[in-house]
Amino acid sequence: MTKLLEKAFAEAAKLPAEAQDALAAAILDEVATEPLWDDSFRQRPDALSKLADEALGELRGGQTQPLDPERL
């Protein structure tokens, strides 16, 4: 385990049990889906570039909004 991950877990251990469980679920979900993303982009190497171009087009076209963490 890396030092940074150890630090993250140490900080997470200070959270209430409900918050720890939510964080653990998010981590497990991320770990489970990572290979799916890798496989998808390996099969379609241009897909990520197309998504980035689309996002930049939306930004330039004024179709985006600043992220408000309070509304997540």
Protein backbone atom coordinates (compact mmCIF):
# COMPACT_ATOMS: atom_id res chain seq x y z
CA MET A 1 0.00 0.00 0.00
CA THR A 2 1.31 3.45 -0.85
CA LYS A 3 1.97 6.11 1.76
CA LEU A 4 -0.73 8.33 0.28
CA LEU A 5 -3.34 5.57 0.48
CA GLU A 6 -2.30 4.85 4.07
CA LYS A 7 -2.76 8.54 4.88
CA ALA A 8 -6.18 8.57 3.20
CA PHE A 9 -7.30 5.54 5.20
CA ALA A 10 -6.02 7.07 8.43
CA GLU A 11 -8.05 10.21 7.76
CA ALA A 12 -11.09 8.18 6.73
CA ALA A 13 -10.86 6.25 10.01
CA LYS A 14 -11.65 9.51 11.83
CA LEU A 15 -15.01 9.83 10.06
CA PRO A 16 -18.30 8.59 11.53
CA ALA A 17 -19.14 4.97 10.67
CA GLU A 18 -21.80 5.97 8.12
CA ALA A 19 -19.34 8.19 6.25
CA GLN A 20 -16.70 5.45 6.36
CA ASP A 21 -19.15 2.97 4.84
CA ALA A 22 -20.09 5.43 2.09
CA LEU A 23 -16.44 6.05 1.28
CA ALA A 24 -15.69 2.32 1.31
CA ALA A 25 -18.59 1.66 -1.08
CA ALA A 26 -17.33 4.36 -3.45
CA ILE A 27 -13.79 2.95 -3.39
CA LEU A 28 -15.00 -0.60 -4.01
CA ASP A 29 -17.18 0.58 -6.88
CA GLU A 30 -14.27 2.48 -8.43
CA VAL A 31 -11.95 -0.52 -8.12
CA ALA A 32 -14.58 -2.82 -9.64
CA THR A 33 -15.30 -0.58 -12.63
CA GLU A 34 -11.72 0.45 -13.46
CA PRO A 35 -11.02 -2.68 -15.56
CA LEU A 36 -14.23 -2.04 -17.51
CA TRP A 37 -13.03 1.45 -18.45
CA ASP A 38 -9.61 0.10 -19.39
CA ASP A 39 -11.16 -2.57 -21.62
CA SER A 40 -13.54 -0.10 -23.21
CA PHE A 41 -10.80 2.38 -24.10
CA ARG A 42 -8.49 -0.41 -25.26
CA GLN A 43 -11.18 -1.56 -27.70
CA ARG A 44 -11.91 2.01 -28.84
CA PRO A 45 -8.73 4.09 -28.37
CA ASP A 46 -10.31 7.14 -29.99
CA ALA A 47 -13.28 7.20 -27.60
CA LEU A 48 -11.61 9.24 -24.85
CA SER A 49 -10.36 11.79 -27.34
CA LYS A 50 -13.85 12.14 -28.82
CA LEU A 51 -15.35 12.62 -25.35
CA ALA A 52 -12.77 15.30 -24.57
CA ASP A 53 -13.49 17.10 -27.85
CA GLU A 54 -17.21 16.98 -27.13
CA ALA A 55 -16.71 18.40 -23.64
CA LEU A 56 -14.51 21.20 -24.95
CA GLY A 57 -17.10 22.02 -27.59
CA GLU A 58 -19.79 22.27 -24.93
CA LEU A 59 -17.56 24.51 -22.82
CA ARG A 60 -16.78 26.80 -25.74
CA GLY A 61 -20.46 26.85 -26.73
CA GLY A 62 -21.51 28.07 -23.30
CA GLN A 63 -23.36 24.84 -22.54
CA THR A 64 -21.62 24.14 -19.24
CA GLN A 65 -21.97 25.42 -15.70
CA PRO A 66 -19.38 25.75 -12.95
CA LEU A 67 -19.39 22.82 -10.54
CA ASP A 68 -21.07 23.67 -7.24
CA PRO A 69 -19.99 21.06 -4.65
CA GLU A 70 -22.87 22.13 -2.41
CA ARG A 71 -25.33 20.86 -5.03
CA LEU A 72 -23.81 17.41 -5.50
